[in-house]
Amino acid sequence: MSISVLIVDDEDLVRSGISLILAATDDIEVIGQAADGAQAVRLARERRPDIVLLDVHMPTMNGLEAARRILEDPAGNTRVIMLTTFDRDEYVYTAMKAGASGFLLKSAPPEELVRSIRLIATGDTQLAPAVTRRLIEDFVRRPPPGQTIPDTFDNLTERELEVLTLVAEGLSNHEIAGRLYLSEATVKTHVNRILNKLHLRDRVQAVVLAYETGLVRPGE
């Protein structure tokens, strides 16, 4: 079954270029395009895409507000990937906190765009790109020095806490498996249990929470 995608950008050339890239794949289908956030919200509710590629800066309604409205829809199961020309943009971090599952620069190569869509569509969100980690390090609230592991994680096992720490450092399931001498399937199980226990949508929100609570600190 193909992955349905809604492309949202106020520039016609950008939308057309992304559409051509995705048309060359055999498992991704563009089911609509929008030129602003308001159109994006309407089309997302009407067509229920698997993925919305959403520009950050747009007229009428910016990408941040559009992401929030799309992701707060209890009837939807859409995931959002934010697109921007800037590698340091606080709006992107805020969108991640709202539940966006990824962030890509418009200058990213076509294969990275396609790979990200496929990964995020499966729910196995990766947060490895260095630009995403820089955003979190720049904009997350730093907790006071010397803070111990917060009560938020009391219901996690020692192994789950270890896995969460490595997820927050940007490691993929494959890399975590190698670090902890576990199978990838076991790591994926741990990640799913962490998300369920902490009531998080995906790995991106897990990373944000780990930074905000001080479990992992910028620069460590």
Foldseek 3Di string as FASTA:
>chain_A
DAAEEEEEALDPVLVVVLQVLQVPDDRYHYPYYYNALVVLLVCCVVPQGQEYEAEQDGPPHGRLVSLLSSVVPPVGNHAYEYEYQDLADLSVVSSVLSPHQYYDYSPDDSVVVVVQSVCVSVQQGFQQDPSSLVNLQPPADADDPPDDQDPLCVPQDPVLLVLLQVLLVRDHLVRVCVVVVHDSVVSVVSQVVVCVSNVGSHSSNSNSVCDNRVVDHPPD
